[in-house]
C-alpha atoms as a PDB file:
ATOM      1  CA  MET A   1       2.402  10.203 -27.307  1.00  0.00           C
ATOM      2  CA  THR A   2       3.441   8.596 -24.042  1.00  0.00           C
ATOM      3  CA  THR A   3       3.666  10.637 -20.875  1.00  0.00           C
ATOM      4  CA  VAL A   4       6.488   9.729 -18.531  1.00  0.00           C
ATOM      5  CA  ILE A   5       5.916  10.504 -14.881  1.00  0.00           C
ATOM      6  CA  GLU A   6       9.062  10.832 -12.807  1.00  0.00           C
ATOM      7  CA  THR A   7       8.621  10.043  -9.158  1.00  0.00           C
ATOM      8  CA  LYS A   8      11.096  10.264  -6.326  1.00  0.00           C
ATOM      9  CA  PRO A   9      11.144   7.535  -3.702  1.00  0.00           C
ATOM     10  CA  TYR A  10       9.056   8.535  -0.706  1.00  0.00           C
ATOM     11  CA  GLN A  11      11.162   9.614   2.272  1.00  0.00           C
ATOM     12  CA  PRO A  12       9.182  10.092   5.515  1.00  0.00           C
ATOM     13  CA  HIS A  13      10.371  12.551   8.161  1.00  0.00           C
ATOM     14  CA  GLY A  14       9.474  13.285  11.789  1.00  0.00           C
ATOM     15  CA  ALA A  15       6.179  11.776  12.934  1.00  0.00           C
ATOM     16  CA  ALA A  16       5.729  10.173   9.511  1.00  0.00           C
ATOM     17  CA  LEU A  17       8.986   8.273  10.008  1.00  0.00           C
ATOM     18  CA  GLU A  18       7.830   7.139  13.451  1.00  0.00           C
ATOM     19  CA  LEU A  19       4.634   5.866  11.820  1.00  0.00           C
ATOM     20  CA  PHE A  20       6.668   3.614   9.526  1.00  0.00           C
ATOM     21  CA  TYR A  21       8.421   1.949  12.472  1.00  0.00           C
ATOM     22  CA  SER A  22       5.270   1.627  14.561  1.00  0.00           C
ATOM     23  CA  LYS A  23       3.930  -1.876  15.177  1.00  0.00           C
ATOM     24  CA  ASP A  24       0.852  -0.581  17.018  1.00  0.00           C
ATOM     25  CA  PRO A  25      -2.551  -1.873  15.841  1.00  0.00           C
ATOM     26  CA  GLU A  26      -3.876   1.708  15.717  1.00  0.00           C
ATOM     27  CA  VAL A  27      -2.026   4.914  14.941  1.00  0.00           C
ATOM     28  CA  LEU A  28      -3.286   8.492  15.133  1.00  0.00           C
ATOM     29  CA  LEU A  29      -1.486  11.429  13.544  1.00  0.00           C
ATOM     30  CA  ASP A  30      -2.323  15.073  14.035  1.00  0.00           C
ATOM     31  CA  GLY A  31      -0.736  18.326  13.011  1.00  0.00           C
ATOM     32  CA  PRO A  32      -0.976  21.280  10.650  1.00  0.00           C
ATOM     33  CA  ALA A  33      -2.191  20.989   7.068  1.00  0.00           C
ATOM     34  CA  ASP A  34       0.198  19.900   4.315  1.00  0.00           C
ATOM     35  CA  THR A  35       2.757  18.247   6.579  1.00  0.00           C
ATOM     36  CA  GLY A  36       2.473  14.798   4.978  1.00  0.00           C
ATOM     37  CA  LYS A  37       0.177  12.980   7.405  1.00  0.00           C
ATOM     38  CA  SER A  38      -2.194  11.618   4.760  1.00  0.00           C
ATOM     39  CA  ARG A  39       0.593  10.657   2.397  1.00  0.00           C
ATOM     40  CA  ALA A  40       2.514   8.871   5.157  1.00  0.00           C
ATOM     41  CA  CYS A  41      -0.550   6.824   6.082  1.00  0.00           C
ATOM     42  CA  LEU A  42      -1.327   5.976   2.460  1.00  0.00           C
ATOM     43  CA  GLU A  43       2.282   4.999   1.772  1.00  0.00           C
ATOM     44  CA  LYS A  44       2.357   2.685   4.796  1.00  0.00           C
ATOM     45  CA  LEU A  45      -0.948   1.092   3.789  1.00  0.00           C
ATOM     46  CA  TYR A  46       0.396   0.581   0.271  1.00  0.00           C
ATOM     47  CA  ILE A  47       3.490  -1.177   1.614  1.00  0.00           C
ATOM     48  CA  CYS A  48       1.436  -3.327   4.000  1.00  0.00           C
ATOM     49  CA  ALA A  49      -1.017  -4.280   1.230  1.00  0.00           C
ATOM     50  CA  HIS A  50       1.860  -5.626  -0.836  1.00  0.00           C
ATOM     51  CA  LYS A  51       3.387  -7.413   2.134  1.00  0.00           C
ATOM     52  CA  TYR A  52       0.058  -8.935   3.242  1.00  0.00           C
ATOM     53  CA  PRO A  53      -2.103  -9.630   0.159  1.00  0.00           C
ATOM     54  CA  GLY A  54      -5.820  -9.706   0.965  1.00  0.00           C
ATOM     55  CA  MET A  55      -5.416  -7.549   4.068  1.00  0.00           C
ATOM     56  CA  ARG A  56      -8.260  -5.320   5.156  1.00  0.00           C
ATOM     57  CA  THR A  57      -7.752  -1.802   6.430  1.00  0.00           C
ATOM     58  CA  LEU A  58      -9.770   1.131   7.652  1.00  0.00           C
ATOM     59  CA  ILE A  59      -9.061   4.801   6.997  1.00  0.00           C
ATOM     60  CA  CYS A  60     -10.982   7.112   9.332  1.00  0.00           C
ATOM     61  CA  ARG A  61     -11.496  10.823   9.692  1.00  0.00           C
ATOM     62  CA  LYS A  62     -13.969  12.777  11.774  1.00  0.00           C
ATOM     63  CA  THR A  63     -16.434  12.993   8.867  1.00  0.00           C
ATOM     64  CA  ARG A  64     -16.880  11.238   5.509  1.00  0.00           C
ATOM     65  CA  ARG A  65     -16.677  14.620   3.814  1.00  0.00           C
ATOM     66  CA  SER A  66     -13.259  15.330   5.319  1.00  0.00           C
ATOM     67  CA  LEU A  67     -12.061  11.896   4.186  1.00  0.00           C
ATOM     68  CA  THR A  68     -13.188  12.655   0.645  1.00  0.00           C
ATOM     69  CA  GLN A  69     -11.507  16.063   0.719  1.00  0.00           C
ATOM     70  CA  ALA A  70      -8.196  14.844   2.144  1.00  0.00           C
ATOM     71  CA  ALA A  71      -7.065  11.230   1.894  1.00  0.00           C
ATOM     72  CA  MET A  72      -9.056  10.332  -1.194  1.00  0.00           C
ATOM     73  CA  VAL A  73      -7.761  13.414  -3.014  1.00  0.00           C
ATOM     74  CA  SER A  74      -4.215  12.376  -2.144  1.00  0.00           C
ATOM     75  CA  PHE A  75      -4.866   8.839  -3.318  1.00  0.00           C
ATOM     76  CA  GLU A  76      -6.898   9.493  -6.483  1.00  0.00           C
ATOM     77  CA  LYS A  77      -5.954  12.897  -7.835  1.00  0.00           C
ATOM     78  CA  LYS A  78      -2.357  13.283  -6.729  1.00  0.00           C
ATOM     79  CA  SER A  79      -1.831   9.622  -7.669  1.00  0.00           C
ATOM     80  CA  TYR A  80       1.049   9.095  -5.264  1.00  0.00           C
ATOM     81  CA  LEU A  81       0.515   5.385  -5.227  1.00  0.00           C
ATOM     82  CA  LEU A  82      -1.285   4.754  -8.497  1.00  0.00           C
ATOM     83  CA  ASN A  83       1.749   5.763 -10.586  1.00  0.00           C
ATOM     84  CA  ARG A  84       3.972   2.958  -9.308  1.00  0.00           C
END
């Protein structure tokens, strides 16, 4: 049996939308939990990786543990980008 995963196109809002138009070499986002900061960053990195094959990037958080508990969960378990 094949599982079909329906996804809606990502639509950034607010600070996430500003992130997409930013040309700055470094960008910092802050705000309350579950407002889309991690997803916005991962979506932009995904787009840039396709635009610039072989690019290198760095994802930082205050601690490695917080990176594992936030961005990597979004990327691996929620599979926002892996299901494309």
